[in-house]
Each structure stands twice: as structure tokens, then as C-alpha cells.
């Protein structure tokens, strides 16, 4: 089979490797769609830990085409999305953290390939009627759900702010709306992404290059600030900006993944004085199944900005890194 191998920097090669063979409890998936994640881009930019050579891609979906011993034959042909790893259910990482932090089960991904070998425990059957390409966005949706699950509650009708209108930001808007938030402000300089905020439930759109976001929040809330402020780009200076717009006893939610080594750029006295809770969740946590079930409730029209064959993986990465669209897919078997 063909795979796209990351060799370091922006260098990718298309290689032919043996087809995977499932062992006990394993399945082989024929990849229909595999999304390019921000962390994939950040690895190529040296902003996220990664060791080449590596077959990237952990947001994949497709039909099961082969099963190993112990896997029910009825699973053949089922279209599934997958978590990054199976979970043993027993280790300390699983018990005190989440399924994706299992210390015993290896990560099995590599979705920029024609086929992927995974443990059957990673597989979640895609609901009938959900397009496989859209189902490939379950993992980023689960990252958002996992973040919001860290909140004790979402106050019905509360004001919320989401900074960053990429896929994570749009999903944050949509999930906040589904959970009862009232007025949601989306701030994003890219006009295409910003306009898409409306279909996810944003009621106020802000282009920070044209209108001061702080003044807007101040005017809309009568100077009180928002109950929930979410930073969805992974830019430390934006985290600092959002923190200043949160009302007393509000929540600062870190949805975006800031580069490794980033310092917390906020006024700690301000957090203490206003009793602001800071929270975040790394990765999908335990939320993959919940996110997959929730995706059909979101309007995903136009979210996929480009679909590329495996041979065009470098062009796809360049387009994704350019930040003009929302989500880019690799289609290894088209």
C-alpha cells in the first residue's frame, strides 16, 4: 500500500509498504477521508513534539475491510471513525486522566495511507446518514467536547466568546450553542471562516482587524464581560486577551493547543481577584463517542475546504497551513 511519510520539516515522501495484516482483536480500515490536524501542521513547523519518519494523520474514517481473530465478522464493511489508541481501562493514566492517556496501549494511527491497522476497541461505528468525510472530523469535535466537559455547567443563556474561527473554534461555537449558551461572539479575521460562524450558532461576528473586540464585549455586556471565554487558536497572546474579557467567576477555556514551552501570559492577580477558572483538555479524552453522536446536530456545510489525493499531501499541508480554509482532507483511495 501507499503511505505519505513525514521526513522532517515540510518534506513528505510517498512510499510503498506492505499491506497491514490484522492480529487478534485488530481490524484494517480502508481510509476514505483523513483530516489534516493543526498538530500535524505544528509538527512540520517544530511547534509540536514529533519524531520523523512518521506517517501522520489521526482524523480518519473508512470501512473495515479485514478483521483479526476475535473480531465479530459482522464488523466487516462497517464504516468507522477511530480514537488514537485503545484503552486498557486499568492503568493509572486511564483511571485518573482519560482513555487517550492509557499507558499500556500503543497509539495506532497513520491515516495518511491507503489502509490503517487499529485495535477494534478504537473503532466507533459512524451513524447512518452521516457522510464519512464529515465523520472524519469527529476527533477535533471530541477535543472540543472534552474541553467543555471540564466545565461544571454551562449557564443557560449565558454570554460566551470564542476567539479563533478555525474548525476548533467553529465546533466550540456549535457545542456551546447546543449546551444552552445564549449570545455567542465569534472573533476571527478570515472573512470566510467568520461568516461560517453564523451557521454554527454565533450571533455576533467580530473581525478584530477592523473592530476592537474588547470594546465590543464591553458594550454588549454592559462592562460585565462574558461568562465563558474560549481561545481556539493556540496563540498565547490571544489567551491573555480573552482572559481580560471574562466576568467574575467566569471560565477561561483553552481549546487551542499553544506551542510547547508557552508561558501562561495572563495577570495572575486578575484571575485571583475575579475568581476565574482556567481549564482545558488535551485531545479527545473520553469524548469520541459523544462527539460522533453530536456531529449530525451541527451544520457542516462548506467546512471541508479541499480534498487532496495522497500524492498531493505536500500541497494539502501548504493549503492547510495557509489558514484560508477551514478543514482539508487527504483521500488516499479516491
C-alpha atoms as a PDB file:
ATOM      1  CA  UNK A   1       0.000   0.000   0.000  1.00  0.00           C
ATOM      2  CA  UNK A   2       0.980   3.661  -0.385  1.00  0.00           C
ATOM      3  CA  UNK A   3       1.663   5.908   2.596  1.00  0.00           C
ATOM      4  CA  UNK A   4       2.720   9.529   2.973  1.00  0.00           C
ATOM      5  CA  UNK A   5       5.756   9.657   5.261  1.00  0.00           C
ATOM      6  CA  UNK A   6       6.781  12.829   7.060  1.00  0.00           C
ATOM      7  CA  UNK A   7      10.563  13.098   6.823  1.00  0.00           C
ATOM      8  CA  UNK A   8      11.062  16.294   8.806  1.00  0.00           C
ATOM      9  CA  UNK A   9      10.214  19.926   8.157  1.00  0.00           C
ATOM     10  CA  UNK A  10       7.810  20.150   5.241  1.00  0.00           C
ATOM     11  CA  UNK A  11       9.323  17.134   3.473  1.00  0.00           C
ATOM     12  CA  UNK A  12       6.908  14.305   2.665  1.00  0.00           C
ATOM     13  CA  UNK A  13       7.500  11.224   0.568  1.00  0.00           C
ATOM     14  CA  UNK A  14       5.069   8.733  -0.933  1.00  0.00           C
ATOM     15  CA  UNK A  15       6.256   5.244  -0.090  1.00  0.00           C
ATOM     16  CA  UNK A  16       5.087   1.705  -0.777  1.00  0.00           C
ATOM     17  CA  UNK A  17       4.978  -0.522   2.290  1.00  0.00           C
ATOM     18  CA  UNK A  18       3.452  -3.968   2.974  1.00  0.00           C
ATOM     19  CA  UNK A  19      -0.306  -4.101   3.449  1.00  0.00           C
ATOM     20  CA  UNK A  20      -1.237  -4.413   7.127  1.00  0.00           C
ATOM     21  CA  UNK A  21      -2.306  -7.786   8.485  1.00  0.00           C
ATOM     22  CA  UNK A  22      -4.636  -7.789  11.494  1.00  0.00           C
ATOM     23  CA  UNK A  23      -3.675  -9.740  14.579  1.00  0.00           C
ATOM     24  CA  UNK A  24      -6.094 -10.849  17.295  1.00  0.00           C
ATOM     25  CA  UNK A  25      -8.576  -8.105  18.134  1.00  0.00           C
ATOM     26  CA  UNK A  26      -7.385  -5.897  15.281  1.00  0.00           C
ATOM     27  CA  UNK A  27      -9.049  -4.519  12.163  1.00  0.00           C
ATOM     28  CA  UNK A  28      -7.895  -2.992   8.887  1.00  0.00           C
ATOM     29  CA  UNK A  29      -9.632   0.141   7.637  1.00  0.00           C
ATOM     30  CA  UNK A  30      -9.605   1.367   4.042  1.00  0.00           C
ATOM     31  CA  UNK A  31      -9.202   5.099   4.508  1.00  0.00           C
ATOM     32  CA  UNK A  32     -11.999   7.141   2.963  1.00  0.00           C
ATOM     33  CA  UNK A  33     -11.006  10.526   4.422  1.00  0.00           C
ATOM     34  CA  UNK A  34      -8.220  11.641   6.721  1.00  0.00           C
ATOM     35  CA  UNK A  35      -8.231  15.191   8.040  1.00  0.00           C
ATOM     36  CA  UNK A  36      -5.147  17.368   8.443  1.00  0.00           C
ATOM     37  CA  UNK A  37      -4.998  18.441  12.085  1.00  0.00           C
ATOM     38  CA  UNK A  38      -3.362  21.585  13.409  1.00  0.00           C
ATOM     39  CA  UNK A  39      -0.969  19.398  15.375  1.00  0.00           C
ATOM     40  CA  UNK A  40       0.091  17.697  12.124  1.00  0.00           C
ATOM     41  CA  UNK A  41       0.971  21.135  10.757  1.00  0.00           C
ATOM     42  CA  UNK A  42       2.683  22.135  14.006  1.00  0.00           C
ATOM     43  CA  UNK A  43       4.861  19.011  13.891  1.00  0.00           C
ATOM     44  CA  UNK A  44       6.182  20.036  10.490  1.00  0.00           C
ATOM     45  CA  UNK A  45       6.866  23.514  11.889  1.00  0.00           C
ATOM     46  CA  UNK A  46       8.655  22.279  15.014  1.00  0.00           C
ATOM     47  CA  UNK A  47       5.909  23.624  17.283  1.00  0.00           C
ATOM     48  CA  UNK A  48       4.592  20.255  18.482  1.00  0.00           C
ATOM     49  CA  UNK A  49       6.553  17.167  19.546  1.00  0.00           C
ATOM     50  CA  UNK A  50       7.175  14.706  16.744  1.00  0.00           C
ATOM     51  CA  UNK A  51       9.929  12.378  15.566  1.00  0.00           C
ATOM     52  CA  UNK A  52      10.244  11.670  11.843  1.00  0.00           C
ATOM     53  CA  UNK A  53       9.959   9.472   9.927  1.00  0.00           C
ATOM     54  CA  UNK A  54       6.269   9.123  10.748  1.00  0.00           C
ATOM     55  CA  UNK A  55       3.023   8.520   8.907  1.00  0.00           C
ATOM     56  CA  UNK A  56       0.838  11.333  10.235  1.00  0.00           C
ATOM     57  CA  UNK A  57      -2.953  11.569  10.254  1.00  0.00           C
ATOM     58  CA  UNK A  58      -5.182  10.678  13.191  1.00  0.00           C
ATOM     59  CA  UNK A  59      -8.553  12.001  11.986  1.00  0.00           C
ATOM     60  CA  UNK A  60      -9.549   9.164   9.676  1.00  0.00           C
ATOM     61  CA  UNK A  61     -12.641   7.220   8.769  1.00  0.00           C
ATOM     62  CA  UNK A  62     -13.452   4.356   6.441  1.00  0.00           C
ATOM     63  CA  UNK A  63     -14.907   0.863   6.062  1.00  0.00           C
ATOM     64  CA  UNK A  64     -13.471  -2.165   7.828  1.00  0.00           C
ATOM     65  CA  UNK A  65     -12.069  -4.456   5.127  1.00  0.00           C
ATOM     66  CA  UNK A  66     -10.329  -7.123   7.197  1.00  0.00           C
ATOM     67  CA  UNK A  67     -10.647  -8.436  10.727  1.00  0.00           C
ATOM     68  CA  UNK A  68      -8.400 -10.412  13.032  1.00  0.00           C
ATOM     69  CA  UNK A  69      -9.237 -13.285  15.330  1.00  0.00           C
ATOM     70  CA  UNK A  70     -11.795 -12.374  17.977  1.00  0.00           C
ATOM     71  CA  UNK A  71     -13.463  -9.621  15.954  1.00  0.00           C
ATOM     72  CA  UNK A  72     -17.087 -10.264  15.026  1.00  0.00           C
ATOM     73  CA  UNK A  73     -17.485 -10.911  11.302  1.00  0.00           C
ATOM     74  CA  UNK A  74     -20.468  -8.549  11.284  1.00  0.00           C
ATOM     75  CA  UNK A  75     -17.987  -5.654  11.613  1.00  0.00           C
ATOM     76  CA  UNK A  76     -16.787  -6.185   8.054  1.00  0.00           C
ATOM     77  CA  UNK A  77     -17.951  -3.321   5.860  1.00  0.00           C
ATOM     78  CA  UNK A  78     -18.919  -1.091   8.774  1.00  0.00           C
ATOM     79  CA  UNK A  79     -17.748   2.497   8.364  1.00  0.00           C
ATOM     80  CA  UNK A  80     -15.910   3.578  11.481  1.00  0.00           C
ATOM     81  CA  UNK A  81     -14.054   6.509  12.970  1.00  0.00           C
ATOM     82  CA  UNK A  82     -11.242   5.815  15.388  1.00  0.00           C
ATOM     83  CA  UNK A  83      -9.675   7.144  18.536  1.00  0.00           C
ATOM     84  CA  UNK A  84      -5.881   7.372  18.644  1.00  0.00           C
ATOM     85  CA  UNK A  85      -5.466   4.341  20.859  1.00  0.00           C
ATOM     86  CA  UNK A  86      -7.362   1.566  22.589  1.00  0.00           C
ATOM     87  CA  UNK A  87      -7.755   1.885  26.357  1.00  0.00           C
ATOM     88  CA  UNK A  88      -6.923  -0.845  28.852  1.00  0.00           C
ATOM     89  CA  UNK A  89      -9.325   0.512  31.467  1.00  0.00           C
ATOM     90  CA  UNK A  90      -6.934  -0.371  34.277  1.00  0.00           C
ATOM     91  CA  UNK A  91      -3.808   1.814  34.238  1.00  0.00           C
ATOM     92  CA  UNK A  92      -3.349   4.984  36.261  1.00  0.00           C
ATOM     93  CA  UNK A  93      -3.423   7.200  33.164  1.00  0.00           C
ATOM     94  CA  UNK A  94      -6.820   5.808  32.213  1.00  0.00           C
ATOM     95  CA  UNK A  95      -8.283   5.999  35.707  1.00  0.00           C
ATOM     96  CA  UNK A  96      -7.082   9.452  36.657  1.00  0.00           C
ATOM     97  CA  UNK A  97      -6.946  11.091  33.235  1.00  0.00           C
ATOM     98  CA  UNK A  98      -8.735   9.711  30.167  1.00  0.00           C
ATOM     99  CA  UNK A  99      -8.889   6.861  27.680  1.00  0.00           C
ATOM    100  CA  UNK A 100      -6.483   8.528  25.263  1.00  0.00           C
ATOM    101  CA  UNK A 101      -3.858   8.703  28.015  1.00  0.00           C
ATOM    102  CA  UNK A 102      -3.739   4.940  28.516  1.00  0.00           C
ATOM    103  CA  UNK A 103      -0.190   3.968  29.468  1.00  0.00           C
ATOM    104  CA  UNK A 104      -0.371   0.404  28.177  1.00  0.00           C
ATOM    105  CA  UNK A 105      -1.941   0.509  24.732  1.00  0.00           C
ATOM    106  CA  UNK A 106       0.140   1.937  21.859  1.00  0.00           C
ATOM    107  CA  UNK A 107      -1.039   4.707  19.577  1.00  0.00           C
ATOM    108  CA  UNK A 108      -2.311   3.200  16.316  1.00  0.00           C
ATOM    109  CA  UNK A 109      -2.999   5.859  13.721  1.00  0.00           C
ATOM    110  CA  UNK A 110      -1.240   6.876  10.497  1.00  0.00           C
ATOM    111  CA  UNK A 111      -4.254   7.924   8.459  1.00  0.00           C
ATOM    112  CA  UNK A 112      -2.319   9.374   5.515  1.00  0.00           C
ATOM    113  CA  UNK A 113      -2.235   5.919   3.983  1.00  0.00           C
ATOM    114  CA  UNK A 114      -4.464   3.679   1.910  1.00  0.00           C
ATOM    115  CA  UNK A 115      -5.084   1.371   4.866  1.00  0.00           C
ATOM    116  CA  UNK A 116      -4.736   1.663   8.644  1.00  0.00           C
ATOM    117  CA  UNK A 117      -4.360  -1.091  11.216  1.00  0.00           C
ATOM    118  CA  UNK A 118      -6.069  -0.404  14.558  1.00  0.00           C
ATOM    119  CA  UNK A 119      -7.364  -2.202  17.603  1.00  0.00           C
ATOM    120  CA  UNK A 120     -11.098  -2.943  17.399  1.00  0.00           C
ATOM    121  CA  UNK A 121     -11.547  -1.038  20.681  1.00  0.00           C
ATOM    122  CA  UNK A 122     -10.590   2.160  18.860  1.00  0.00           C
ATOM    123  CA  UNK A 123     -13.398   1.858  16.337  1.00  0.00           C
ATOM    124  CA  UNK A 124     -16.727   3.691  16.611  1.00  0.00           C
ATOM    125  CA  UNK A 125     -19.425   2.944  14.052  1.00  0.00           C
ATOM    126  CA  UNK A 126     -20.466   6.035  12.078  1.00  0.00           C
ATOM    127  CA  UNK A 127     -24.208   6.749  12.434  1.00  0.00           C
ATOM    128  CA  UNK A 128     -26.408   6.089   9.407  1.00  0.00           C
ATOM    129  CA  UNK A 129     -26.787   9.198   7.292  1.00  0.00           C
ATOM    130  CA  UNK A 130     -23.557  10.870   8.429  1.00  0.00           C
ATOM    131  CA  UNK A 131     -21.267  11.413   5.456  1.00  0.00           C
ATOM    132  CA  UNK A 132     -17.887   9.677   6.001  1.00  0.00           C
ATOM    133  CA  UNK A 133     -15.955  12.830   5.143  1.00  0.00           C
ATOM    134  CA  UNK A 134     -17.844  14.713   7.846  1.00  0.00           C
ATOM    135  CA  UNK A 135     -17.393  11.815  10.250  1.00  0.00           C
ATOM    136  CA  UNK A 136     -13.629  12.219   9.789  1.00  0.00           C
ATOM    137  CA  UNK A 137     -13.972  15.416  11.834  1.00  0.00           C
ATOM    138  CA  UNK A 138     -15.042  13.503  14.949  1.00  0.00           C
ATOM    139  CA  UNK A 139     -11.643  13.688  16.617  1.00  0.00           C
ATOM    140  CA  UNK A 140     -11.418  17.515  16.584  1.00  0.00           C
ATOM    141  CA  UNK A 141     -15.061  17.692  17.646  1.00  0.00           C
ATOM    142  CA  UNK A 142     -14.210  15.376  20.536  1.00  0.00           C
ATOM    143  CA  UNK A 143     -11.367  17.692  21.572  1.00  0.00           C
ATOM    144  CA  UNK A 144     -13.917  20.489  21.944  1.00  0.00           C
ATOM    145  CA  UNK A 145     -16.443  18.295  23.753  1.00  0.00           C
ATOM    146  CA  UNK A 146     -13.710  17.137  26.109  1.00  0.00           C
ATOM    147  CA  UNK A 147     -12.810  20.769  26.891  1.00  0.00           C
ATOM    148  CA  UNK A 148     -16.412  21.744  27.566  1.00  0.00           C
ATOM    149  CA  UNK A 149     -16.950  18.634  29.681  1.00  0.00           C
ATOM    150  CA  UNK A 150     -14.376  20.072  32.071  1.00  0.00           C
ATOM    151  CA  UNK A 151     -16.838  22.841  32.967  1.00  0.00           C
ATOM    152  CA  UNK A 152     -19.108  22.087  35.892  1.00  0.00           C
ATOM    153  CA  UNK A 153     -22.015  23.553  33.957  1.00  0.00           C
ATOM    154  CA  UNK A 154     -22.880  25.954  31.165  1.00  0.00           C
ATOM    155  CA  UNK A 155     -25.228  28.588  32.471  1.00  0.00           C
ATOM    156  CA  UNK A 156     -28.405  28.684  30.385  1.00  0.00           C
ATOM    157  CA  UNK A 157     -28.470  31.761  28.156  1.00  0.00           C
ATOM    158  CA  UNK A 158     -25.034  32.995  29.194  1.00  0.00           C
ATOM    159  CA  UNK A 159     -22.778  35.189  27.071  1.00  0.00           C
ATOM    160  CA  UNK A 160     -19.794  33.421  25.525  1.00  0.00           C
ATOM    161  CA  UNK A 161     -16.805  34.462  23.450  1.00  0.00           C
ATOM    162  CA  UNK A 162     -14.852  32.257  21.063  1.00  0.00           C
ATOM    163  CA  UNK A 163     -11.610  33.618  19.628  1.00  0.00           C
ATOM    164  CA  UNK A 164     -10.476  31.759  16.527  1.00  0.00           C
ATOM    165  CA  UNK A 165     -12.758  30.616  13.729  1.00  0.00           C
ATOM    166  CA  UNK A 166     -10.939  27.536  12.514  1.00  0.00           C
ATOM    167  CA  UNK A 167     -12.524  24.129  12.892  1.00  0.00           C
ATOM    168  CA  UNK A 168     -11.986  24.013  16.666  1.00  0.00           C
ATOM    169  CA  UNK A 169     -13.449  27.486  17.061  1.00  0.00           C
ATOM    170  CA  UNK A 170     -16.484  26.734  14.929  1.00  0.00           C
ATOM    171  CA  UNK A 171     -17.058  23.480  16.793  1.00  0.00           C
ATOM    172  CA  UNK A 172     -16.743  25.377  20.076  1.00  0.00           C
ATOM    173  CA  UNK A 173     -19.438  27.804  18.941  1.00  0.00           C
ATOM    174  CA  UNK A 174     -21.687  24.927  17.875  1.00  0.00           C
ATOM    175  CA  UNK A 175     -21.208  22.869  21.033  1.00  0.00           C
ATOM    176  CA  UNK A 176     -21.740  25.895  23.288  1.00  0.00           C
ATOM    177  CA  UNK A 177     -24.990  26.635  21.464  1.00  0.00           C
ATOM    178  CA  UNK A 178     -26.190  23.044  21.797  1.00  0.00           C
ATOM    179  CA  UNK A 179     -25.429  23.190  25.524  1.00  0.00           C
ATOM    180  CA  UNK A 180     -27.543  26.256  26.169  1.00  0.00           C
ATOM    181  CA  UNK A 181     -25.273  29.277  25.776  1.00  0.00           C
ATOM    182  CA  UNK A 182     -27.142  32.384  24.680  1.00  0.00           C
ATOM    183  CA  UNK A 183     -25.307  35.138  22.855  1.00  0.00           C
ATOM    184  CA  UNK A 184     -22.075  33.812  21.355  1.00  0.00           C
ATOM    185  CA  UNK A 185     -19.452  36.161  19.946  1.00  0.00           C
ATOM    186  CA  UNK A 186     -17.027  34.762  17.379  1.00  0.00           C
ATOM    187  CA  UNK A 187     -13.841  36.713  16.648  1.00  0.00           C
ATOM    188  CA  UNK A 188     -11.876  35.763  13.538  1.00  0.00           C
ATOM    189  CA  UNK A 189     -10.053  37.857  10.890  1.00  0.00           C
ATOM    190  CA  UNK A 190     -10.622  35.448   7.990  1.00  0.00           C
ATOM    191  CA  UNK A 191     -13.922  36.561   6.394  1.00  0.00           C
ATOM    192  CA  UNK A 192     -14.853  33.089   5.111  1.00  0.00           C
ATOM    193  CA  UNK A 193     -14.356  31.477   8.494  1.00  0.00           C
ATOM    194  CA  UNK A 194     -16.064  34.346  10.283  1.00  0.00           C
ATOM    195  CA  UNK A 195     -19.160  34.171   8.085  1.00  0.00           C
ATOM    196  CA  UNK A 196     -19.407  30.443   8.747  1.00  0.00           C
ATOM    197  CA  UNK A 197     -19.813  31.178  12.440  1.00  0.00           C
ATOM    198  CA  UNK A 198     -23.464  32.031  11.903  1.00  0.00           C
ATOM    199  CA  UNK A 199     -24.376  28.515  10.764  1.00  0.00           C
ATOM    200  CA  UNK A 200     -22.833  27.131  13.954  1.00  0.00           C
ATOM    201  CA  UNK A 201     -24.795  29.472  16.212  1.00  0.00           C
ATOM    202  CA  UNK A 202     -22.761  32.650  16.621  1.00  0.00           C
ATOM    203  CA  UNK A 203     -24.987  35.691  16.990  1.00  0.00           C
ATOM    204  CA  UNK A 204     -22.245  38.344  16.921  1.00  0.00           C
ATOM    205  CA  UNK A 205     -19.328  38.294  14.474  1.00  0.00           C
ATOM    206  CA  UNK A 206     -16.134  40.279  15.002  1.00  0.00           C
ATOM    207  CA  UNK A 207     -13.220  40.931  12.683  1.00  0.00           C
ATOM    208  CA  UNK A 208     -10.536  42.041  15.147  1.00  0.00           C
ATOM    209  CA  UNK A 209      -8.574  43.790  12.388  1.00  0.00           C
ATOM    210  CA  UNK A 210     -11.496  46.171  11.862  1.00  0.00           C
ATOM    211  CA  UNK A 211     -13.278  46.452  15.212  1.00  0.00           C
ATOM    212  CA  UNK A 212     -11.817  46.326  18.713  1.00  0.00           C
ATOM    213  CA  UNK A 213     -13.008  43.100  20.348  1.00  0.00           C
ATOM    214  CA  UNK A 214     -12.582  44.379  23.896  1.00  0.00           C
ATOM    215  CA  UNK A 215     -14.784  47.399  23.220  1.00  0.00           C
ATOM    216  CA  UNK A 216     -17.390  45.169  21.567  1.00  0.00           C
ATOM    217  CA  UNK A 217     -17.555  42.788  24.539  1.00  0.00           C
ATOM    218  CA  UNK A 218     -17.666  45.701  26.948  1.00  0.00           C
ATOM    219  CA  UNK A 219     -20.567  47.333  25.063  1.00  0.00           C
ATOM    220  CA  UNK A 220     -22.561  44.113  24.666  1.00  0.00           C
ATOM    221  CA  UNK A 221     -22.227  43.047  28.287  1.00  0.00           C
ATOM    222  CA  UNK A 222     -22.505  46.439  29.926  1.00  0.00           C
ATOM    223  CA  UNK A 223     -18.931  46.133  31.132  1.00  0.00           C
ATOM    224  CA  UNK A 224     -19.507  42.814  32.923  1.00  0.00           C
ATOM    225  CA  UNK A 225     -17.689  40.519  30.498  1.00  0.00           C
ATOM    226  CA  UNK A 226     -18.621  37.085  29.197  1.00  0.00           C
ATOM    227  CA  UNK A 227     -19.284  34.010  31.322  1.00  0.00           C
ATOM    228  CA  UNK A 228     -17.221  31.764  29.036  1.00  0.00           C
ATOM    229  CA  UNK A 229     -14.207  32.873  27.045  1.00  0.00           C
ATOM    230  CA  UNK A 230     -12.647  30.235  24.777  1.00  0.00           C
ATOM    231  CA  UNK A 231      -9.350  30.617  22.916  1.00  0.00           C
ATOM    232  CA  UNK A 232      -9.354  28.229  19.964  1.00  0.00           C
ATOM    233  CA  UNK A 233      -6.223  29.173  18.003  1.00  0.00           C
ATOM    234  CA  UNK A 234      -3.466  28.136  20.381  1.00  0.00           C
ATOM    235  CA  UNK A 235      -1.875  31.622  20.439  1.00  0.00           C
ATOM    236  CA  UNK A 236      -0.688  32.695  23.921  1.00  0.00           C
ATOM    237  CA  UNK A 237      -1.250  36.404  23.367  1.00  0.00           C
ATOM    238  CA  UNK A 238      -4.870  35.662  22.452  1.00  0.00           C
ATOM    239  CA  UNK A 239      -5.258  33.706  25.688  1.00  0.00           C
ATOM    240  CA  UNK A 240      -4.160  36.850  27.530  1.00  0.00           C
ATOM    241  CA  UNK A 241      -6.631  38.954  25.574  1.00  0.00           C
ATOM    242  CA  UNK A 242      -9.560  36.625  26.235  1.00  0.00           C
ATOM    243  CA  UNK A 243      -8.780  36.465  29.940  1.00  0.00           C
ATOM    244  CA  UNK A 244      -9.420  40.204  30.267  1.00  0.00           C
ATOM    245  CA  UNK A 245     -12.928  39.883  28.822  1.00  0.00           C
ATOM    246  CA  UNK A 246     -14.293  37.324  31.273  1.00  0.00           C
ATOM    247  CA  UNK A 247     -16.676  38.311  34.031  1.00  0.00           C
ATOM    248  CA  UNK A 248     -16.081  37.484  37.704  1.00  0.00           C
ATOM    249  CA  UNK A 249     -16.445  33.748  38.376  1.00  0.00           C
ATOM    250  CA  UNK A 250     -16.303  33.120  34.658  1.00  0.00           C
ATOM    251  CA  UNK A 251     -14.403  30.470  32.731  1.00  0.00           C
ATOM    252  CA  UNK A 252     -11.309  30.745  30.558  1.00  0.00           C
ATOM    253  CA  UNK A 253     -11.293  27.688  28.298  1.00  0.00           C
ATOM    254  CA  UNK A 254      -8.142  26.677  26.433  1.00  0.00           C
ATOM    255  CA  UNK A 255      -9.376  24.888  23.328  1.00  0.00           C
ATOM    256  CA  UNK A 256      -6.429  25.679  21.056  1.00  0.00           C
ATOM    257  CA  UNK A 257      -3.092  23.973  21.669  1.00  0.00           C
ATOM    258  CA  UNK A 258      -0.362  26.545  22.326  1.00  0.00           C
ATOM    259  CA  UNK A 259       3.226  25.682  21.316  1.00  0.00           C
ATOM    260  CA  UNK A 260       5.183  23.595  23.778  1.00  0.00           C
ATOM    261  CA  UNK A 261       7.001  25.798  26.274  1.00  0.00           C
ATOM    262  CA  UNK A 262       4.473  28.643  26.130  1.00  0.00           C
ATOM    263  CA  UNK A 263       4.112  30.577  29.375  1.00  0.00           C
ATOM    264  CA  UNK A 264       0.722  31.487  30.830  1.00  0.00           C
ATOM    265  CA  UNK A 265       0.530  35.118  29.647  1.00  0.00           C
ATOM    266  CA  UNK A 266      -2.184  36.372  31.988  1.00  0.00           C
ATOM    267  CA  UNK A 267      -2.313  38.606  35.027  1.00  0.00           C
ATOM    268  CA  UNK A 268      -2.474  36.089  37.861  1.00  0.00           C
ATOM    269  CA  UNK A 269      -3.804  38.721  40.239  1.00  0.00           C
ATOM    270  CA  UNK A 270      -6.661  39.351  37.825  1.00  0.00           C
ATOM    271  CA  UNK A 271      -7.528  35.642  37.763  1.00  0.00           C
ATOM    272  CA  UNK A 272      -7.378  35.510  41.555  1.00  0.00           C
ATOM    273  CA  UNK A 273      -9.348  38.704  42.120  1.00  0.00           C
ATOM    274  CA  UNK A 274     -12.091  37.829  39.611  1.00  0.00           C
ATOM    275  CA  UNK A 275     -12.121  34.153  40.675  1.00  0.00           C
ATOM    276  CA  UNK A 276     -11.791  32.970  37.085  1.00  0.00           C
ATOM    277  CA  UNK A 277     -11.486  29.249  36.446  1.00  0.00           C
ATOM    278  CA  UNK A 278      -8.944  28.200  33.798  1.00  0.00           C
ATOM    279  CA  UNK A 279      -9.444  24.822  32.159  1.00  0.00           C
ATOM    280  CA  UNK A 280      -8.601  22.837  29.081  1.00  0.00           C
ATOM    281  CA  UNK A 281      -8.387  19.280  27.871  1.00  0.00           C
ATOM    282  CA  UNK A 282      -5.701  17.769  25.708  1.00  0.00           C
ATOM    283  CA  UNK A 283      -7.089  15.709  22.890  1.00  0.00           C
ATOM    284  CA  UNK A 284     -10.321  13.790  22.624  1.00  0.00           C
ATOM    285  CA  UNK A 285     -10.170  12.386  26.145  1.00  0.00           C
ATOM    286  CA  UNK A 286     -13.210  10.162  26.714  1.00  0.00           C
ATOM    287  CA  UNK A 287     -15.449  12.182  24.383  1.00  0.00           C
ATOM    288  CA  UNK A 288     -15.061  10.483  20.983  1.00  0.00           C
ATOM    289  CA  UNK A 289     -18.355   8.583  21.080  1.00  0.00           C
ATOM    290  CA  UNK A 290     -20.240  11.613  22.386  1.00  0.00           C
ATOM    291  CA  UNK A 291     -18.781  13.812  19.645  1.00  0.00           C
ATOM    292  CA  UNK A 292     -19.621  11.305  16.895  1.00  0.00           C
ATOM    293  CA  UNK A 293     -23.228  11.200  18.089  1.00  0.00           C
ATOM    294  CA  UNK A 294     -23.378  15.006  18.197  1.00  0.00           C
ATOM    295  CA  UNK A 295     -21.935  15.774  14.749  1.00  0.00           C
ATOM    296  CA  UNK A 296     -25.263  15.254  12.919  1.00  0.00           C
ATOM    297  CA  UNK A 297     -26.699  18.119  15.003  1.00  0.00           C
ATOM    298  CA  UNK A 298     -24.221  20.602  13.510  1.00  0.00           C
ATOM    299  CA  UNK A 299     -24.456  22.285  10.122  1.00  0.00           C
ATOM    300  CA  UNK A 300     -21.189  21.215   8.486  1.00  0.00           C
ATOM    301  CA  UNK A 301     -21.939  22.635   5.034  1.00  0.00           C
ATOM    302  CA  UNK A 302     -18.811  24.041   3.415  1.00  0.00           C
ATOM    303  CA  UNK A 303     -16.488  23.168   6.303  1.00  0.00           C
ATOM    304  CA  UNK A 304     -14.261  20.968   4.128  1.00  0.00           C
ATOM    305  CA  UNK A 305     -12.273  23.438   2.046  1.00  0.00           C
ATOM    306  CA  UNK A 306     -10.273  20.964  -0.025  1.00  0.00           C
ATOM    307  CA  UNK A 307      -9.836  17.261  -0.705  1.00  0.00           C
ATOM    308  CA  UNK A 308      -6.469  16.022  -1.990  1.00  0.00           C
ATOM    309  CA  UNK A 309      -5.114  12.703  -3.250  1.00  0.00           C
ATOM    310  CA  UNK A 310      -2.268  11.132  -1.309  1.00  0.00           C
ATOM    311  CA  UNK A 311       0.288  12.251  -3.905  1.00  0.00           C
ATOM    312  CA  UNK A 312      -0.640  15.890  -3.242  1.00  0.00           C
ATOM    313  CA  UNK A 313      -0.089  15.708   0.510  1.00  0.00           C
ATOM    314  CA  UNK A 314       2.548  18.475   0.495  1.00  0.00           C
ATOM    315  CA  UNK A 315       0.177  20.832  -1.357  1.00  0.00           C
ATOM    316  CA  UNK A 316      -2.593  19.914   1.081  1.00  0.00           C
ATOM    317  CA  UNK A 317      -0.367  20.740   4.051  1.00  0.00           C
ATOM    318  CA  UNK A 318       0.612  24.054   2.485  1.00  0.00           C
ATOM    319  CA  UNK A 319      -3.038  24.957   1.931  1.00  0.00           C
ATOM    320  CA  UNK A 320      -3.943  23.986   5.476  1.00  0.00           C
ATOM    321  CA  UNK A 321      -1.021  25.918   6.958  1.00  0.00           C
ATOM    322  CA  UNK A 322      -2.062  28.955   4.917  1.00  0.00           C
ATOM    323  CA  UNK A 323      -5.162  29.253   7.066  1.00  0.00           C
ATOM    324  CA  UNK A 324      -7.523  30.396   4.340  1.00  0.00           C
ATOM    325  CA  UNK A 325      -9.940  27.482   4.522  1.00  0.00           C
ATOM    326  CA  UNK A 326     -11.315  25.514   7.445  1.00  0.00           C
ATOM    327  CA  UNK A 327     -10.594  21.803   7.012  1.00  0.00           C
ATOM    328  CA  UNK A 328      -8.533  19.914   4.450  1.00  0.00           C
ATOM    329  CA  UNK A 329      -8.831  16.201   3.746  1.00  0.00           C
ATOM    330  CA  UNK A 330      -6.489  13.599   2.335  1.00  0.00           C
ATOM    331  CA  UNK A 331      -8.309  10.969   0.264  1.00  0.00           C
ATOM    332  CA  UNK A 332      -5.830   8.096  -0.206  1.00  0.00           C
ATOM    333  CA  UNK A 333      -8.197   5.850  -2.179  1.00  0.00           C
ATOM    334  CA  UNK A 334     -10.010   8.323  -4.438  1.00  0.00           C
END
